[in-house]
Amino acid sequence: MKTYQEIYANWREELEKRPILLQLVLFLNQNITRFMYLLYPCLLLYLALREPHHIVQNVGPFILIPGVSFLGLSWVRKTLNAPRPYEIYAIEPLISKDTKGQSMPSRHVFSATMISMCILRLYPLVGGVFLLCSILLAVTRVLVGVHFPKDVLLGFIIGMILGSLLFCF
């Protein structure tokens, strides 16, 4: 049975054989995150302007649920302080990263999933597309070597579960 270090070395070797694929993985890792973080305030602004006289009812859950969830997830990460793949194994991540611990659950994937759930609540088809982007982000976070698969899977699942609370409002 192969170790994680051997599995990651194979993934990296395959990516390095295909420079276009490698560039795509690096591009998606960086830009899905950026796009999601830009999208969220735009969504809140849209909700606020859509019905300004009902701003608390319309915008409140979209701030409160993701905000409290993000703080709770950050506390869990800090408490667990799970090591990152490059801390345990002799692997070189594809992106420059020297963060120690706090690998599980993935906050990038959680945040992207939570933002996708906000959109899903309003526009199911568009939200579904963004959930696929969250899954793509999860894959790239593993491929670039900064998270284990369990880290991103847990971030996605927690984002889905807590994001589902938006459907109560």
C-alpha atoms as a PDB file:
ATOM      1  CA  MET A   1       0.000   0.000   0.000  1.00  0.00           C
ATOM      2  CA  LYS A   2       1.345   3.405  -0.989  1.00  0.00           C
ATOM      3  CA  THR A   3       1.929   6.135   1.546  1.00  0.00           C
ATOM      4  CA  TYR A   4       0.373   9.567   1.140  1.00  0.00           C
ATOM      5  CA  GLN A   5       3.814  10.885   0.240  1.00  0.00           C
ATOM      6  CA  GLU A   6       4.036   8.421  -2.681  1.00  0.00           C
ATOM      7  CA  ILE A   7       0.487   9.187  -3.815  1.00  0.00           C
ATOM      8  CA  TYR A   8       1.140  12.928  -3.731  1.00  0.00           C
ATOM      9  CA  ALA A   9       4.440  12.459  -5.583  1.00  0.00           C
ATOM     10  CA  ASN A  10       2.521  10.651  -8.352  1.00  0.00           C
ATOM     11  CA  TRP A  11      -0.078  13.429  -8.567  1.00  0.00           C
ATOM     12  CA  ARG A  12       2.612  16.065  -8.715  1.00  0.00           C
ATOM     13  CA  GLU A  13       4.598  14.158 -11.324  1.00  0.00           C
ATOM     14  CA  GLU A  14       1.500  13.842 -13.519  1.00  0.00           C
ATOM     15  CA  LEU A  15       0.780  17.554 -13.196  1.00  0.00           C
ATOM     16  CA  GLU A  16       4.374  18.499 -13.964  1.00  0.00           C
ATOM     17  CA  LYS A  17       4.268  16.358 -17.132  1.00  0.00           C
ATOM     18  CA  ARG A  18       1.344  18.470 -18.300  1.00  0.00           C
ATOM     19  CA  PRO A  19       2.278  22.141 -17.811  1.00  0.00           C
ATOM     20  CA  ILE A  20      -1.092  23.388 -19.079  1.00  0.00           C
ATOM     21  CA  LEU A  21      -2.926  21.228 -16.545  1.00  0.00           C
ATOM     22  CA  LEU A  22      -0.553  22.388 -13.816  1.00  0.00           C
ATOM     23  CA  GLN A  23      -1.203  26.027 -14.712  1.00  0.00           C
ATOM     24  CA  LEU A  24      -4.956  25.342 -14.732  1.00  0.00           C
ATOM     25  CA  VAL A  25      -4.821  23.807 -11.235  1.00  0.00           C
ATOM     26  CA  LEU A  26      -2.814  26.766  -9.916  1.00  0.00           C
ATOM     27  CA  PHE A  27      -5.138  29.245 -11.642  1.00  0.00           C
ATOM     28  CA  LEU A  28      -8.284  27.588 -10.267  1.00  0.00           C
ATOM     29  CA  ASN A  29      -6.842  27.326  -6.760  1.00  0.00           C
ATOM     30  CA  GLN A  30      -6.152  31.038  -6.648  1.00  0.00           C
ATOM     31  CA  ASN A  31      -9.051  32.420  -8.652  1.00  0.00           C
ATOM     32  CA  ILE A  32     -12.001  30.382  -7.418  1.00  0.00           C
ATOM     33  CA  THR A  33     -11.150  31.644  -3.943  1.00  0.00           C
ATOM     34  CA  ARG A  34     -10.822  35.247  -5.119  1.00  0.00           C
ATOM     35  CA  PHE A  35     -14.023  35.077  -7.112  1.00  0.00           C
ATOM     36  CA  MET A  36     -16.029  33.646  -4.207  1.00  0.00           C
ATOM     37  CA  TYR A  37     -14.733  36.285  -1.816  1.00  0.00           C
ATOM     38  CA  LEU A  38     -15.688  39.033  -4.287  1.00  0.00           C
ATOM     39  CA  LEU A  39     -19.053  37.448  -4.993  1.00  0.00           C
ATOM     40  CA  TYR A  40     -20.201  37.368  -1.376  1.00  0.00           C
ATOM     41  CA  PRO A  41     -20.249  41.138  -0.703  1.00  0.00           C
ATOM     42  CA  CYS A  42     -21.881  41.649  -4.117  1.00  0.00           C
ATOM     43  CA  LEU A  43     -24.603  39.198  -3.093  1.00  0.00           C
ATOM     44  CA  LEU A  44     -25.158  41.040   0.188  1.00  0.00           C
ATOM     45  CA  LEU A  45     -25.335  44.379  -1.623  1.00  0.00           C
ATOM     46  CA  TYR A  46     -27.809  42.940  -4.121  1.00  0.00           C
ATOM     47  CA  LEU A  47     -30.013  41.666  -1.289  1.00  0.00           C
ATOM     48  CA  ALA A  48     -29.835  45.000   0.521  1.00  0.00           C
ATOM     49  CA  LEU A  49     -30.786  46.977  -2.583  1.00  0.00           C
ATOM     50  CA  ARG A  50     -33.465  44.544  -3.734  1.00  0.00           C
ATOM     51  CA  GLU A  51     -35.833  45.405  -0.882  1.00  0.00           C
ATOM     52  CA  PRO A  52     -34.237  48.084   1.317  1.00  0.00           C
ATOM     53  CA  HIS A  53     -37.273  48.311   3.614  1.00  0.00           C
ATOM     54  CA  HIS A  54     -36.814  44.604   4.512  1.00  0.00           C
ATOM     55  CA  ILE A  55     -33.031  44.699   4.791  1.00  0.00           C
ATOM     56  CA  VAL A  56     -32.813  42.902   8.155  1.00  0.00           C
ATOM     57  CA  GLN A  57     -35.067  40.037   7.057  1.00  0.00           C
ATOM     58  CA  ASN A  58     -33.411  39.740   3.646  1.00  0.00           C
ATOM     59  CA  VAL A  59     -29.746  40.238   4.473  1.00  0.00           C
ATOM     60  CA  GLY A  60     -29.595  39.173   8.138  1.00  0.00           C
ATOM     61  CA  PRO A  61     -29.525  35.389   7.659  1.00  0.00           C
ATOM     62  CA  PHE A  62     -26.988  35.743   4.821  1.00  0.00           C
ATOM     63  CA  ILE A  63     -24.615  37.526   7.200  1.00  0.00           C
ATOM     64  CA  LEU A  64     -25.411  35.822  10.497  1.00  0.00           C
ATOM     65  CA  ILE A  65     -25.338  32.170   9.424  1.00  0.00           C
ATOM     66  CA  PRO A  66     -22.090  32.367   7.382  1.00  0.00           C
ATOM     67  CA  GLY A  67     -20.463  34.679   9.934  1.00  0.00           C
ATOM     68  CA  VAL A  68     -21.177  32.587  13.021  1.00  0.00           C
ATOM     69  CA  SER A  69     -20.338  29.424  11.076  1.00  0.00           C
ATOM     70  CA  PHE A  70     -17.008  30.869   9.929  1.00  0.00           C
ATOM     71  CA  LEU A  71     -16.073  31.840  13.495  1.00  0.00           C
ATOM     72  CA  GLY A  72     -17.078  28.403  14.797  1.00  0.00           C
ATOM     73  CA  LEU A  73     -15.129  26.622  12.087  1.00  0.00           C
ATOM     74  CA  SER A  74     -12.070  28.795  12.776  1.00  0.00           C
ATOM     75  CA  TRP A  75     -12.284  27.865  16.469  1.00  0.00           C
ATOM     76  CA  VAL A  76     -12.527  24.144  15.590  1.00  0.00           C
ATOM     77  CA  ARG A  77      -9.496  24.420  13.276  1.00  0.00           C
ATOM     78  CA  LYS A  78      -7.469  26.133  15.945  1.00  0.00           C
ATOM     79  CA  THR A  79      -8.540  23.616  18.599  1.00  0.00           C
ATOM     80  CA  LEU A  80      -7.811  20.558  16.431  1.00  0.00           C
ATOM     81  CA  ASN A  81      -4.648  22.136  15.016  1.00  0.00           C
ATOM     82  CA  ALA A  82      -4.315  19.295  12.505  1.00  0.00           C
ATOM     83  CA  PRO A  83      -0.998  19.294  10.637  1.00  0.00           C
ATOM     84  CA  ARG A  84      -0.799  19.955   6.920  1.00  0.00           C
ATOM     85  CA  PRO A  85       0.514  17.339   4.460  1.00  0.00           C
ATOM     86  CA  TYR A  86       3.887  19.069   4.079  1.00  0.00           C
ATOM     87  CA  GLU A  87       4.347  19.050   7.857  1.00  0.00           C
ATOM     88  CA  ILE A  88       3.967  15.272   8.100  1.00  0.00           C
ATOM     89  CA  TYR A  89       5.473  14.119   4.811  1.00  0.00           C
ATOM     90  CA  ALA A  90       8.483  15.235   2.819  1.00  0.00           C
ATOM     91  CA  ILE A  91       6.438  16.900   0.109  1.00  0.00           C
ATOM     92  CA  GLU A  92       6.811  20.303  -1.496  1.00  0.00           C
ATOM     93  CA  PRO A  93       3.460  22.052  -2.041  1.00  0.00           C
ATOM     94  CA  LEU A  94       2.887  23.520  -5.487  1.00  0.00           C
ATOM     95  CA  ILE A  95       2.103  26.877  -3.903  1.00  0.00           C
ATOM     96  CA  SER A  96       4.224  28.754  -1.424  1.00  0.00           C
ATOM     97  CA  LYS A  97       2.814  27.894   1.975  1.00  0.00           C
ATOM     98  CA  ASP A  98       4.498  27.845   5.348  1.00  0.00           C
ATOM     99  CA  THR A  99       1.421  27.802   7.582  1.00  0.00           C
ATOM    100  CA  LYS A 100       1.676  25.288  10.388  1.00  0.00           C
ATOM    101  CA  GLY A 101      -1.361  23.322  11.538  1.00  0.00           C
ATOM    102  CA  GLN A 102      -5.002  24.332  11.282  1.00  0.00           C
ATOM    103  CA  SER A 103      -5.469  22.181   8.210  1.00  0.00           C
ATOM    104  CA  MET A 104      -8.779  20.570   9.112  1.00  0.00           C
ATOM    105  CA  PRO A 105     -11.387  21.467   8.084  1.00  0.00           C
ATOM    106  CA  SER A 106     -10.405  23.496   5.039  1.00  0.00           C
ATOM    107  CA  ARG A 107     -11.601  27.065   5.540  1.00  0.00           C
ATOM    108  CA  HIS A 108     -11.210  27.920   1.846  1.00  0.00           C
ATOM    109  CA  VAL A 109     -13.520  25.071   0.845  1.00  0.00           C
ATOM    110  CA  PHE A 110     -15.932  25.771   3.706  1.00  0.00           C
ATOM    111  CA  SER A 111     -16.199  29.443   2.737  1.00  0.00           C
ATOM    112  CA  ALA A 112     -16.688  28.704  -0.957  1.00  0.00           C
ATOM    113  CA  THR A 113     -19.358  26.141  -0.080  1.00  0.00           C
ATOM    114  CA  MET A 114     -21.136  28.495   2.315  1.00  0.00           C
ATOM    115  CA  ILE A 115     -21.176  31.272  -0.312  1.00  0.00           C
ATOM    116  CA  SER A 116     -22.467  28.748  -2.857  1.00  0.00           C
ATOM    117  CA  MET A 117     -25.236  27.777  -0.444  1.00  0.00           C
ATOM    118  CA  CYS A 118     -26.223  31.451  -0.114  1.00  0.00           C
ATOM    119  CA  ILE A 119     -26.592  31.613  -3.880  1.00  0.00           C
ATOM    120  CA  LEU A 120     -28.338  28.227  -4.003  1.00  0.00           C
ATOM    121  CA  ARG A 121     -30.930  29.572  -1.553  1.00  0.00           C
ATOM    122  CA  LEU A 122     -31.827  32.353  -4.016  1.00  0.00           C
ATOM    123  CA  TYR A 123     -31.039  30.848  -7.418  1.00  0.00           C
ATOM    124  CA  PRO A 124     -30.854  27.024  -7.343  1.00  0.00           C
ATOM    125  CA  LEU A 125     -29.335  26.500 -10.789  1.00  0.00           C
ATOM    126  CA  VAL A 126     -26.625  29.133 -10.326  1.00  0.00           C
ATOM    127  CA  GLY A 127     -25.980  27.895  -6.789  1.00  0.00           C
ATOM    128  CA  GLY A 128     -25.501  24.369  -8.139  1.00  0.00           C
ATOM    129  CA  VAL A 129     -22.841  25.653 -10.539  1.00  0.00           C
ATOM    130  CA  PHE A 130     -21.067  27.380  -7.669  1.00  0.00           C
ATOM    131  CA  LEU A 131     -21.204  24.209  -5.564  1.00  0.00           C
ATOM    132  CA  LEU A 132     -19.381  22.474  -8.415  1.00  0.00           C
ATOM    133  CA  CYS A 133     -16.789  25.280  -8.237  1.00  0.00           C
ATOM    134  CA  SER A 134     -16.448  24.573  -4.501  1.00  0.00           C
ATOM    135  CA  ILE A 135     -15.768  20.914  -5.286  1.00  0.00           C
ATOM    136  CA  LEU A 136     -13.229  21.972  -7.895  1.00  0.00           C
ATOM    137  CA  LEU A 137     -11.558  24.196  -5.297  1.00  0.00           C
ATOM    138  CA  ALA A 138     -11.454  21.234  -2.893  1.00  0.00           C
ATOM    139  CA  VAL A 139      -9.674  19.117  -5.505  1.00  0.00           C
ATOM    140  CA  THR A 140      -7.148  21.859  -6.249  1.00  0.00           C
ATOM    141  CA  ARG A 141      -6.371  22.408  -2.543  1.00  0.00           C
ATOM    142  CA  VAL A 142      -5.387  18.737  -2.318  1.00  0.00           C
ATOM    143  CA  LEU A 143      -3.480  18.747  -5.613  1.00  0.00           C
ATOM    144  CA  VAL A 144      -1.406  21.787  -4.639  1.00  0.00           C
ATOM    145  CA  GLY A 145      -0.431  19.969  -1.437  1.00  0.00           C
ATOM    146  CA  VAL A 146      -1.840  22.206   1.289  1.00  0.00           C
ATOM    147  CA  HIS A 147      -4.679  19.922   2.485  1.00  0.00           C
ATOM    148  CA  PHE A 148      -5.456  16.263   2.870  1.00  0.00           C
ATOM    149  CA  PRO A 149      -8.617  14.966   1.136  1.00  0.00           C
ATOM    150  CA  LYS A 150     -10.335  14.601   4.541  1.00  0.00           C
ATOM    151  CA  ASP A 151      -9.702  18.315   5.266  1.00  0.00           C
ATOM    152  CA  VAL A 152     -11.487  19.519   2.146  1.00  0.00           C
ATOM    153  CA  LEU A 153     -14.245  16.912   2.398  1.00  0.00           C
ATOM    154  CA  LEU A 154     -15.019  17.993   5.945  1.00  0.00           C
ATOM    155  CA  GLY A 155     -14.950  21.674   4.940  1.00  0.00           C
ATOM    156  CA  PHE A 156     -17.415  20.950   2.132  1.00  0.00           C
ATOM    157  CA  ILE A 157     -19.761  18.855   4.294  1.00  0.00           C
ATOM    158  CA  ILE A 158     -19.817  21.412   7.119  1.00  0.00           C
ATOM    159  CA  GLY A 159     -20.471  24.190   4.583  1.00  0.00           C
ATOM    160  CA  MET A 160     -23.372  22.201   3.119  1.00  0.00           C
ATOM    161  CA  ILE A 161     -24.900  21.403   6.506  1.00  0.00           C
ATOM    162  CA  LEU A 162     -24.584  24.875   7.990  1.00  0.00           C
ATOM    163  CA  GLY A 163     -25.495  26.498   4.682  1.00  0.00           C
ATOM    164  CA  SER A 164     -28.700  24.469   4.710  1.00  0.00           C
ATOM    165  CA  LEU A 165     -29.824  26.600   7.666  1.00  0.00           C
ATOM    166  CA  LEU A 166     -30.396  29.398   5.126  1.00  0.00           C
ATOM    167  CA  PHE A 167     -33.376  27.432   3.819  1.00  0.00           C
ATOM    168  CA  CYS A 168     -35.135  27.923   7.168  1.00  0.00           C
ATOM    169  CA  PHE A 169     -35.574  31.640   6.405  1.00  0.00           C
END
